[in-house]
Amino acid sequence: MSMEKLSCSESFLKSSKPYFAMISLQFGYAGMNIITKISLNTGMSHYVLVVYRHAIATAVIAPFAFFFERKAQPKITFTIFMQLFILGLLGFLLDHCLYLIN
């Protein structure tokens, strides 16, 4: 009977991982909105906030990408690197700057 309960709880944890991930993501968004509001109210520049935000995100995500994805992906060519750079520049950076400027 205990084996059946263990199997049931393992099954529950495996099936609920996406929900826990989304709840964690929402807490992250809420925290970032609070930090953004406090930073802008104390006089921080919109542009500086965007730079800090991207620098922290890179510092947090880069180790995961380096250790977990380094052998799974093909080598990045200069063309692919430039496409990623332009996408990051126009997509995320411009989006955040326009979002924060009132």
PDB file of N, CA and C in Angstrom:
ATOM      1  N   MET A   1       0.825  -1.195   0.000  1.00  0.00           N
ATOM      2  CA  MET A   1       0.000   0.000   0.000  1.00  0.00           C
ATOM      3  C   MET A   1       0.866   1.255   0.000  1.00  0.00           C
ATOM      4  N   SER A   2       1.967   1.248   0.742  1.00  0.00           N
ATOM      5  CA  SER A   2       2.819   2.430   0.770  1.00  0.00           C
ATOM      6  C   SER A   2       3.473   2.662  -0.588  1.00  0.00           C
ATOM      7  N   MET A   3       3.743   1.574  -1.310  1.00  0.00           N
ATOM      8  CA  MET A   3       4.319   1.696  -2.643  1.00  0.00           C
ATOM      9  C   MET A   3       3.332   2.365  -3.594  1.00  0.00           C
ATOM     10  N   GLU A   4       2.052   2.054  -3.426  1.00  0.00           N
ATOM     11  CA  GLU A   4       1.023   2.672  -4.270  1.00  0.00           C
ATOM     12  C   GLU A   4       0.917   4.163  -3.973  1.00  0.00           C
ATOM     13  N   LYS A   5       1.009   4.544  -2.702  1.00  0.00           N
ATOM     14  CA  LYS A   5       0.967   5.961  -2.342  1.00  0.00           C
ATOM     15  C   LYS A   5       2.191   6.695  -2.873  1.00  0.00           C
ATOM     16  N   LEU A   6       3.349   6.066  -2.791  1.00  0.00           N
ATOM     17  CA  LEU A   6       4.558   6.674  -3.305  1.00  0.00           C
ATOM     18  C   LEU A   6       4.454   6.887  -4.808  1.00  0.00           C
ATOM     19  N   SER A   7       3.933   5.907  -5.486  1.00  0.00           N
ATOM     20  CA  SER A   7       3.766   6.024  -6.923  1.00  0.00           C
ATOM     21  C   SER A   7       2.767   7.117  -7.277  1.00  0.00           C
ATOM     22  N   CYS A   8       1.722   7.221  -6.502  1.00  0.00           N
ATOM     23  CA  CYS A   8       0.706   8.250  -6.744  1.00  0.00           C
ATOM     24  C   CYS A   8       1.288   9.641  -6.498  1.00  0.00           C
ATOM     25  N   SER A   9       2.057   9.807  -5.420  1.00  0.00           N
ATOM     26  CA  SER A   9       2.635  11.128  -5.144  1.00  0.00           C
ATOM     27  C   SER A   9       3.713  11.486  -6.170  1.00  0.00           C
ATOM     28  N   GLU A  10       4.494  10.508  -6.627  1.00  0.00           N
ATOM     29  CA  GLU A  10       5.469  10.782  -7.682  1.00  0.00           C
ATOM     30  C   GLU A  10       4.771  11.190  -8.969  1.00  0.00           C
ATOM     31  N   SER A  11       3.682  10.514  -9.259  1.00  0.00           N
ATOM     32  CA  SER A  11       2.911  10.838 -10.461  1.00  0.00           C
ATOM     33  C   SER A  11       2.355  12.261 -10.370  1.00  0.00           C
ATOM     34  N   PHE A  12       1.863  12.613  -9.182  1.00  0.00           N
ATOM     35  CA  PHE A  12       1.326  13.959  -8.985  1.00  0.00           C
ATOM     36  C   PHE A  12       2.410  15.013  -9.175  1.00  0.00           C
ATOM     37  N   LEU A  13       3.600  14.782  -8.597  1.00  0.00           N
ATOM     38  CA  LEU A  13       4.680  15.752  -8.712  1.00  0.00           C
ATOM     39  C   LEU A  13       5.146  15.909 -10.159  1.00  0.00           C
ATOM     40  N   LYS A  14       5.226  14.799 -10.880  1.00  0.00           N
ATOM     41  CA  LYS A  14       5.642  14.886 -12.284  1.00  0.00           C
ATOM     42  C   LYS A  14       4.616  15.632 -13.126  1.00  0.00           C
ATOM     43  N   SER A  15       3.354  15.370 -12.875  1.00  0.00           N
ATOM     44  CA  SER A  15       2.327  16.018 -13.695  1.00  0.00           C
ATOM     45  C   SER A  15       2.108  17.477 -13.315  1.00  0.00           C
ATOM     46  N   SER A  16       2.524  17.884 -12.117  1.00  0.00           N
ATOM     47  CA  SER A  16       2.285  19.261 -11.687  1.00  0.00           C
ATOM     48  C   SER A  16       3.499  20.173 -11.867  1.00  0.00           C
ATOM     49  N   LYS A  17       4.588  19.684 -12.414  1.00  0.00           N
ATOM     50  CA  LYS A  17       5.773  20.530 -12.633  1.00  0.00           C
ATOM     51  C   LYS A  17       5.476  21.759 -13.483  1.00  0.00           C
ATOM     52  N   PRO A  18       4.731  21.640 -14.586  1.00  0.00           N
ATOM     53  CA  PRO A  18       4.445  22.856 -15.369  1.00  0.00           C
ATOM     54  C   PRO A  18       3.664  23.897 -14.582  1.00  0.00           C
ATOM     55  N   TYR A  19       2.773  23.442 -13.705  1.00  0.00           N
ATOM     56  CA  TYR A  19       1.985  24.385 -12.910  1.00  0.00           C
ATOM     57  C   TYR A  19       2.856  25.097 -11.887  1.00  0.00           C
ATOM     58  N   PHE A  20       3.752  24.347 -11.247  1.00  0.00           N
ATOM     59  CA  PHE A  20       4.690  24.972 -10.315  1.00  0.00           C
ATOM     60  C   PHE A  20       5.611  25.953 -11.041  1.00  0.00           C
ATOM     61  N   ALA A  21       6.011  25.610 -12.242  1.00  0.00           N
ATOM     62  CA  ALA A  21       6.862  26.507 -13.026  1.00  0.00           C
ATOM     63  C   ALA A  21       6.116  27.799 -13.364  1.00  0.00           C
ATOM     64  N   MET A  22       4.857  27.702 -13.741  1.00  0.00           N
ATOM     65  CA  MET A  22       4.084  28.906 -14.071  1.00  0.00           C
ATOM     66  C   MET A  22       3.823  29.762 -12.840  1.00  0.00           C
ATOM     67  N   ILE A  23       3.577  29.124 -11.689  1.00  0.00           N
ATOM     68  CA  ILE A  23       3.382  29.886 -10.458  1.00  0.00           C
ATOM     69  C   ILE A  23       4.672  30.616 -10.095  1.00  0.00           C
ATOM     70  N   SER A  24       5.807  29.936 -10.228  1.00  0.00           N
ATOM     71  CA  SER A  24       7.097  30.579  -9.956  1.00  0.00           C
ATOM     72  C   SER A  24       7.341  31.739 -10.915  1.00  0.00           C
ATOM     73  N   LEU A  25       6.986  31.562 -12.176  1.00  0.00           N
ATOM     74  CA  LEU A  25       7.146  32.620 -13.163  1.00  0.00           C
ATOM     75  C   LEU A  25       6.296  33.839 -12.812  1.00  0.00           C
ATOM     76  N   GLN A  26       5.080  33.610 -12.363  1.00  0.00           N
ATOM     77  CA  GLN A  26       4.212  34.722 -11.981  1.00  0.00           C
ATOM     78  C   GLN A  26       4.767  35.467 -10.766  1.00  0.00           C
ATOM     79  N   PHE A  27       5.333  34.724  -9.806  1.00  0.00           N
ATOM     80  CA  PHE A  27       5.973  35.386  -8.667  1.00  0.00           C
ATOM     81  C   PHE A  27       7.177  36.202  -9.132  1.00  0.00           C
ATOM     82  N   GLY A  28       7.913  35.681 -10.103  1.00  0.00           N
ATOM     83  CA  GLY A  28       9.044  36.423 -10.659  1.00  0.00           C
ATOM     84  C   GLY A  28       8.596  37.705 -11.337  1.00  0.00           C
ATOM     85  N   TYR A  29       7.528  37.628 -12.121  1.00  0.00           N
ATOM     86  CA  TYR A  29       6.994  38.831 -12.769  1.00  0.00           C
ATOM     87  C   TYR A  29       6.512  39.847 -11.731  1.00  0.00           C
ATOM     88  N   ALA A  30       5.826  39.372 -10.705  1.00  0.00           N
ATOM     89  CA  ALA A  30       5.340  40.279  -9.660  1.00  0.00           C
ATOM     90  C   ALA A  30       6.510  40.948  -8.954  1.00  0.00           C
ATOM     91  N   GLY A  31       7.536  40.170  -8.639  1.00  0.00           N
ATOM     92  CA  GLY A  31       8.716  40.741  -7.989  1.00  0.00           C
ATOM     93  C   GLY A  31       9.402  41.768  -8.867  1.00  0.00           C
ATOM     94  N   MET A  32       9.518  41.463 -10.147  1.00  0.00           N
ATOM     95  CA  MET A  32      10.154  42.411 -11.064  1.00  0.00           C
ATOM     96  C   MET A  32       9.330  43.689 -11.198  1.00  0.00           C
ATOM     97  N   ASN A  33       8.017  43.569 -11.217  1.00  0.00           N
ATOM     98  CA  ASN A  33       7.173  44.763 -11.293  1.00  0.00           C
ATOM     99  C   ASN A  33       7.321  45.617 -10.032  1.00  0.00           C
ATOM    100  N   ILE A  34       7.424  44.973  -8.883  1.00  0.00           N
ATOM    101  CA  ILE A  34       7.611  45.721  -7.636  1.00  0.00           C
ATOM    102  C   ILE A  34       8.961  46.430  -7.641  1.00  0.00           C
ATOM    103  N   ILE A  35      10.015  45.709  -8.025  1.00  0.00           N
ATOM    104  CA  ILE A  35      11.351  46.314  -8.079  1.00  0.00           C
ATOM    105  C   ILE A  35      11.385  47.461  -9.089  1.00  0.00           C
ATOM    106  N   THR A  36      10.723  47.272 -10.237  1.00  0.00           N
ATOM    107  CA  THR A  36      10.669  48.326 -11.252  1.00  0.00           C
ATOM    108  C   THR A  36       9.966  49.561 -10.718  1.00  0.00           C
ATOM    109  N   LYS A  37       8.843  49.379 -10.062  1.00  0.00           N
ATOM    110  CA  LYS A  37       8.076  50.500  -9.525  1.00  0.00           C
ATOM    111  C   LYS A  37       8.884  51.260  -8.482  1.00  0.00           C
ATOM    112  N   ILE A  38       9.532  50.528  -7.581  1.00  0.00           N
ATOM    113  CA  ILE A  38      10.340  51.181  -6.546  1.00  0.00           C
ATOM    114  C   ILE A  38      11.524  51.920  -7.177  1.00  0.00           C
ATOM    115  N   SER A  39      12.187  51.281  -8.129  1.00  0.00           N
ATOM    116  CA  SER A  39      13.360  51.902  -8.763  1.00  0.00           C
ATOM    117  C   SER A  39      12.992  53.170  -9.510  1.00  0.00           C
ATOM    118  N   LEU A  40      11.914  53.124 -10.263  1.00  0.00           N
ATOM    119  CA  LEU A  40      11.518  54.305 -11.031  1.00  0.00           C
ATOM    120  C   LEU A  40      11.019  55.423 -10.126  1.00  0.00           C
ATOM    121  N   ASN A  41      10.360  55.071  -9.022  1.00  0.00           N
ATOM    122  CA  ASN A  41       9.886  56.095  -8.083  1.00  0.00           C
ATOM    123  C   ASN A  41      11.026  56.780  -7.338  1.00  0.00           C
ATOM    124  N   THR A  42      12.161  56.088  -7.177  1.00  0.00           N
ATOM    125  CA  THR A  42      13.298  56.706  -6.495  1.00  0.00           C
ATOM    126  C   THR A  42      14.171  57.498  -7.454  1.00  0.00           C
ATOM    127  N   GLY A  43      13.853  57.522  -8.739  1.00  0.00           N
ATOM    128  CA  GLY A  43      14.565  58.372  -9.674  1.00  0.00           C
ATOM    129  C   GLY A  43      15.531  57.670 -10.600  1.00  0.00           C
ATOM    130  N   MET A  44      15.516  56.357 -10.659  1.00  0.00           N
ATOM    131  CA  MET A  44      16.423  55.647 -11.572  1.00  0.00           C
ATOM    132  C   MET A  44      15.985  55.885 -13.013  1.00  0.00           C
ATOM    133  N   SER A  45      16.941  56.013 -13.875  1.00  0.00           N
ATOM    134  CA  SER A  45      16.665  56.210 -15.293  1.00  0.00           C
ATOM    135  C   SER A  45      16.055  54.938 -15.895  1.00  0.00           C
ATOM    136  N   HIS A  46      15.157  55.115 -16.824  1.00  0.00           N
ATOM    137  CA  HIS A  46      14.528  53.985 -17.506  1.00  0.00           C
ATOM    138  C   HIS A  46      15.578  53.139 -18.223  1.00  0.00           C
ATOM    139  N   TYR A  47      16.521  53.803 -18.842  1.00  0.00           N
ATOM    140  CA  TYR A  47      17.537  53.097 -19.624  1.00  0.00           C
ATOM    141  C   TYR A  47      18.479  52.289 -18.728  1.00  0.00           C
ATOM    142  N   VAL A  48      18.839  52.871 -17.597  1.00  0.00           N
ATOM    143  CA  VAL A  48      19.711  52.156 -16.660  1.00  0.00           C
ATOM    144  C   VAL A  48      18.986  50.924 -16.116  1.00  0.00           C
ATOM    145  N   LEU A  49      17.712  51.063 -15.825  1.00  0.00           N
ATOM    146  CA  LEU A  49      16.933  49.930 -15.336  1.00  0.00           C
ATOM    147  C   LEU A  49      16.891  48.802 -16.358  1.00  0.00           C
ATOM    148  N   VAL A  50      16.729  49.139 -17.630  1.00  0.00           N
ATOM    149  CA  VAL A  50      16.711  48.126 -18.679  1.00  0.00           C
ATOM    150  C   VAL A  50      18.053  47.405 -18.755  1.00  0.00           C
ATOM    151  N   VAL A  51      19.147  48.151 -18.655  1.00  0.00           N
ATOM    152  CA  VAL A  51      20.479  47.541 -18.706  1.00  0.00           C
ATOM    153  C   VAL A  51      20.678  46.617 -17.510  1.00  0.00           C
ATOM    154  N   TYR A  52      20.336  47.080 -16.310  1.00  0.00           N
ATOM    155  CA  TYR A  52      20.475  46.236 -15.124  1.00  0.00           C
ATOM    156  C   TYR A  52      19.612  44.979 -15.237  1.00  0.00           C
ATOM    157  N   ARG A  53      18.411  45.158 -15.728  1.00  0.00           N
ATOM    158  CA  ARG A  53      17.481  44.030 -15.849  1.00  0.00           C
ATOM    159  C   ARG A  53      18.035  42.953 -16.782  1.00  0.00           C
ATOM    160  N   HIS A  54      18.586  43.373 -17.906  1.00  0.00           N
ATOM    161  CA  HIS A  54      19.143  42.417 -18.858  1.00  0.00           C
ATOM    162  C   HIS A  54      20.444  41.806 -18.348  1.00  0.00           C
ATOM    163  N   ALA A  55      21.242  42.588 -17.646  1.00  0.00           N
ATOM    164  CA  ALA A  55      22.492  42.056 -17.098  1.00  0.00           C
ATOM    165  C   ALA A  55      22.210  40.991 -16.036  1.00  0.00           C
ATOM    166  N   ILE A  56      21.255  41.238 -15.175  1.00  0.00           N
ATOM    167  CA  ILE A  56      20.902  40.248 -14.151  1.00  0.00           C
ATOM    168  C   ILE A  56      20.298  39.007 -14.784  1.00  0.00           C
ATOM    169  N   ALA A  57      19.438  39.193 -15.772  1.00  0.00           N
ATOM    170  CA  ALA A  57      18.836  38.039 -16.456  1.00  0.00           C
ATOM    171  C   ALA A  57      19.901  37.198 -17.150  1.00  0.00           C
ATOM    172  N   THR A  58      20.873  37.846 -17.753  1.00  0.00           N
ATOM    173  CA  THR A  58      21.964  37.113 -18.405  1.00  0.00           C
ATOM    174  C   THR A  58      22.793  36.353 -17.384  1.00  0.00           C
ATOM    175  N   ALA A  59      23.096  36.988 -16.266  1.00  0.00           N
ATOM    176  CA  ALA A  59      23.885  36.335 -15.227  1.00  0.00           C
ATOM    177  C   ALA A  59      23.167  35.137 -14.626  1.00  0.00           C
ATOM    178  N   VAL A  60      21.851  35.192 -14.555  1.00  0.00           N
ATOM    179  CA  VAL A  60      21.085  34.078 -13.983  1.00  0.00           C
ATOM    180  C   VAL A  60      20.913  32.951 -14.986  1.00  0.00           C
ATOM    181  N   ILE A  61      20.623  33.266 -16.242  1.00  0.00           N
ATOM    182  CA  ILE A  61      20.291  32.247 -17.236  1.00  0.00           C
ATOM    183  C   ILE A  61      21.521  31.645 -17.910  1.00  0.00           C
ATOM    184  N   ALA A  62      22.581  32.412 -18.065  1.00  0.00           N
ATOM    185  CA  ALA A  62      23.765  31.938 -18.796  1.00  0.00           C
ATOM    186  C   ALA A  62      24.380  30.654 -18.230  1.00  0.00           C
ATOM    187  N   PRO A  63      24.518  30.497 -16.914  1.00  0.00           N
ATOM    188  CA  PRO A  63      25.087  29.235 -16.424  1.00  0.00           C
ATOM    189  C   PRO A  63      24.249  28.009 -16.792  1.00  0.00           C
ATOM    190  N   PHE A  64      22.937  28.143 -16.770  1.00  0.00           N
ATOM    191  CA  PHE A  64      22.078  27.023 -17.159  1.00  0.00           C
ATOM    192  C   PHE A  64      22.291  26.673 -18.623  1.00  0.00           C
ATOM    193  N   ALA A  65      22.345  27.679 -19.458  1.00  0.00           N
ATOM    194  CA  ALA A  65      22.563  27.435 -20.883  1.00  0.00           C
ATOM    195  C   ALA A  65      23.938  26.837 -21.128  1.00  0.00           C
ATOM    196  N   PHE A  66      24.934  27.307 -20.402  1.00  0.00           N
ATOM    197  CA  PHE A  66      26.299  26.825 -20.600  1.00  0.00           C
ATOM    198  C   PHE A  66      26.432  25.354 -20.202  1.00  0.00           C
ATOM    199  N   PHE A  67      25.883  24.985 -19.067  1.00  0.00           N
ATOM    200  CA  PHE A  67      26.071  23.622 -18.581  1.00  0.00           C
ATOM    201  C   PHE A  67      25.095  22.610 -19.186  1.00  0.00           C
ATOM    202  N   PHE A  68      23.858  23.009 -19.410  1.00  0.00           N
ATOM    203  CA  PHE A  68      22.855  22.048 -19.867  1.00  0.00           C
ATOM    204  C   PHE A  68      22.704  21.980 -21.378  1.00  0.00           C
ATOM    205  N   GLU A  69      23.040  23.037 -22.085  1.00  0.00           N
ATOM    206  CA  GLU A  69      22.776  23.089 -23.518  1.00  0.00           C
ATOM    207  C   GLU A  69      24.030  23.136 -24.385  1.00  0.00           C
ATOM    208  N   ARG A  70      25.199  23.127 -23.814  1.00  0.00           N
ATOM    209  CA  ARG A  70      26.395  23.358 -24.626  1.00  0.00           C
ATOM    210  C   ARG A  70      26.689  22.233 -25.612  1.00  0.00           C
ATOM    211  N   LYS A  71      26.342  20.996 -25.294  1.00  0.00           N
ATOM    212  CA  LYS A  71      26.607  19.888 -26.214  1.00  0.00           C
ATOM    213  C   LYS A  71      25.412  19.586 -27.108  1.00  0.00           C
ATOM    214  N   ALA A  72      24.253  20.114 -26.778  1.00  0.00           N
ATOM    215  CA  ALA A  72      23.039  19.803 -27.531  1.00  0.00           C
ATOM    216  C   ALA A  72      22.866  20.693 -28.760  1.00  0.00           C
ATOM    217  N   GLN A  73      23.494  21.855 -28.762  1.00  0.00           N
ATOM    218  CA  GLN A  73      23.291  22.808 -29.850  1.00  0.00           C
ATOM    219  C   GLN A  73      24.497  22.840 -30.786  1.00  0.00           C
ATOM    220  N   PRO A  74      24.271  23.125 -32.067  1.00  0.00           N
ATOM    221  CA  PRO A  74      25.398  23.261 -32.995  1.00  0.00           C
ATOM    222  C   PRO A  74      26.175  24.553 -32.720  1.00  0.00           C
ATOM    223  N   LYS A  75      27.350  24.657 -33.286  1.00  0.00           N
ATOM    224  CA  LYS A  75      28.174  25.858 -33.122  1.00  0.00           C
ATOM    225  C   LYS A  75      27.466  27.070 -33.745  1.00  0.00           C
ATOM    226  N   ILE A  76      27.662  28.214 -33.135  1.00  0.00           N
ATOM    227  CA  ILE A  76      27.043  29.441 -33.636  1.00  0.00           C
ATOM    228  C   ILE A  76      27.977  30.083 -34.645  1.00  0.00           C
ATOM    229  N   THR A  77      27.458  30.302 -35.839  1.00  0.00           N
ATOM    230  CA  THR A  77      28.228  30.992 -36.870  1.00  0.00           C
ATOM    231  C   THR A  77      28.054  32.502 -36.693  1.00  0.00           C
ATOM    232  N   PHE A  78      28.844  33.261 -37.405  1.00  0.00           N
ATOM    233  CA  PHE A  78      28.742  34.713 -37.308  1.00  0.00           C
ATOM    234  C   PHE A  78      27.369  35.205 -37.761  1.00  0.00           C
ATOM    235  N   THR A  79      26.834  34.600 -38.808  1.00  0.00           N
ATOM    236  CA  THR A  79      25.512  34.998 -39.312  1.00  0.00           C
ATOM    237  C   THR A  79      24.435  34.758 -38.268  1.00  0.00           C
ATOM    238  N   ILE A  80      24.462  33.604 -37.638  1.00  0.00           N
ATOM    239  CA  ILE A  80      23.466  33.303 -36.603  1.00  0.00           C
ATOM    240  C   ILE A  80      23.648  34.233 -35.412  1.00  0.00           C
ATOM    241  N   PHE A  81      24.906  34.507 -35.046  1.00  0.00           N
ATOM    242  CA  PHE A  81      25.171  35.419 -33.943  1.00  0.00           C
ATOM    243  C   PHE A  81      24.602  36.807 -34.230  1.00  0.00           C
ATOM    244  N   MET A  82      24.795  37.309 -35.432  1.00  0.00           N
ATOM    245  CA  MET A  82      24.269  38.635 -35.785  1.00  0.00           C
ATOM    246  C   MET A  82      22.746  38.645 -35.789  1.00  0.00           C
ATOM    247  N   GLN A  83      22.136  37.574 -36.265  1.00  0.00           N
ATOM    248  CA  GLN A  83      20.677  37.491 -36.238  1.00  0.00           C
ATOM    249  C   GLN A  83      20.159  37.499 -34.806  1.00  0.00           C
ATOM    250  N   LEU A  84      20.812  36.755 -33.916  1.00  0.00           N
ATOM    251  CA  LEU A  84      20.414  36.751 -32.510  1.00  0.00           C
ATOM    252  C   LEU A  84      20.636  38.121 -31.863  1.00  0.00           C
ATOM    253  N   PHE A  85      21.737  38.768 -32.211  1.00  0.00           N
ATOM    254  CA  PHE A  85      22.025  40.091 -31.667  1.00  0.00           C
ATOM    255  C   PHE A  85      20.960  41.104 -32.086  1.00  0.00           C
ATOM    256  N   ILE A  86      20.625  41.112 -33.355  1.00  0.00           N
ATOM    257  CA  ILE A  86      19.617  42.063 -33.854  1.00  0.00           C
ATOM    258  C   ILE A  86      18.246  41.755 -33.269  1.00  0.00           C
ATOM    259  N   LEU A  87      17.911  40.477 -33.157  1.00  0.00           N
ATOM    260  CA  LEU A  87      16.642  40.096 -32.547  1.00  0.00           C
ATOM    261  C   LEU A  87      16.588  40.555 -31.094  1.00  0.00           C
ATOM    262  N   GLY A  88      17.669  40.355 -30.358  1.00  0.00           N
ATOM    263  CA  GLY A  88      17.713  40.800 -28.969  1.00  0.00           C
ATOM    264  C   GLY A  88      17.643  42.309 -28.856  1.00  0.00           C
ATOM    265  N   LEU A  89      18.330  42.993 -29.745  1.00  0.00           N
ATOM    266  CA  LEU A  89      18.343  44.448 -29.707  1.00  0.00           C
ATOM    267  C   LEU A  89      16.970  45.023 -30.041  1.00  0.00           C
ATOM    268  N   LEU A  90      16.384  44.568 -31.129  1.00  0.00           N
ATOM    269  CA  LEU A  90      15.102  45.120 -31.560  1.00  0.00           C
ATOM    270  C   LEU A  90      13.922  44.526 -30.811  1.00  0.00           C
ATOM    271  N   GLY A  91      14.037  43.265 -30.446  1.00  0.00           N
ATOM    272  CA  GLY A  91      12.912  42.609 -29.789  1.00  0.00           C
ATOM    273  C   GLY A  91      12.786  42.979 -28.331  1.00  0.00           C
ATOM    274  N   PHE A  92      13.747  42.571 -27.546  1.00  0.00           N
ATOM    275  CA  PHE A  92      13.621  42.733 -26.102  1.00  0.00           C
ATOM    276  C   PHE A  92      14.030  44.104 -25.609  1.00  0.00           C
ATOM    277  N   LEU A  93      15.164  44.588 -26.038  1.00  0.00           N
ATOM    278  CA  LEU A  93      15.660  45.865 -25.530  1.00  0.00           C
ATOM    279  C   LEU A  93      14.733  47.015 -25.913  1.00  0.00           C
ATOM    280  N   LEU A  94      14.376  47.079 -27.166  1.00  0.00           N
ATOM    281  CA  LEU A  94      13.480  48.140 -27.620  1.00  0.00           C
ATOM    282  C   LEU A  94      12.107  48.019 -26.951  1.00  0.00           C
ATOM    283  N   ASP A  95      11.643  46.794 -26.807  1.00  0.00           N
ATOM    284  CA  ASP A  95      10.352  46.554 -26.162  1.00  0.00           C
ATOM    285  C   ASP A  95      10.366  47.055 -24.718  1.00  0.00           C
ATOM    286  N   HIS A  96      11.411  46.737 -23.971  1.00  0.00           N
ATOM    287  CA  HIS A  96      11.482  47.178 -22.582  1.00  0.00           C
ATOM    288  C   HIS A  96      11.627  48.688 -22.471  1.00  0.00           C
ATOM    289  N   CYS A  97      12.427  49.270 -23.339  1.00  0.00           N
ATOM    290  CA  CYS A  97      12.584  50.724 -23.304  1.00  0.00           C
ATOM    291  C   CYS A  97      11.267  51.430 -23.603  1.00  0.00           C
ATOM    292  N   LEU A  98      10.558  50.974 -24.606  1.00  0.00           N
ATOM    293  CA  LEU A  98       9.279  51.594 -24.943  1.00  0.00           C
ATOM    294  C   LEU A  98       8.219  51.338 -23.864  1.00  0.00           C
ATOM    295  N   TYR A  99       8.293  50.189 -23.207  1.00  0.00           N
ATOM    296  CA  TYR A  99       7.338  49.874 -22.147  1.00  0.00           C
ATOM    297  C   TYR A  99       7.530  50.793 -20.942  1.00  0.00           C
ATOM    298  N   LEU A 100       8.783  51.067 -20.608  1.00  0.00           N
ATOM    299  CA  LEU A 100       9.059  51.843 -19.396  1.00  0.00           C
ATOM    300  C   LEU A 100       8.943  53.348 -19.598  1.00  0.00           C
ATOM    301  N   ILE A 101       9.044  53.819 -20.831  1.00  0.00           N
ATOM    302  CA  ILE A 101       8.926  55.261 -21.071  1.00  0.00           C
ATOM    303  C   ILE A 101       7.449  55.610 -21.182  1.00  0.00           C
ATOM    304  N   ASN A 102       7.057  56.568 -20.381  1.00  0.00           N
ATOM    305  CA  ASN A 102       5.627  56.942 -20.359  1.00  0.00           C
ATOM    306  C   ASN A 102       5.328  57.985 -21.368  1.00  0.00           C
TER     307      ASN A 102
END
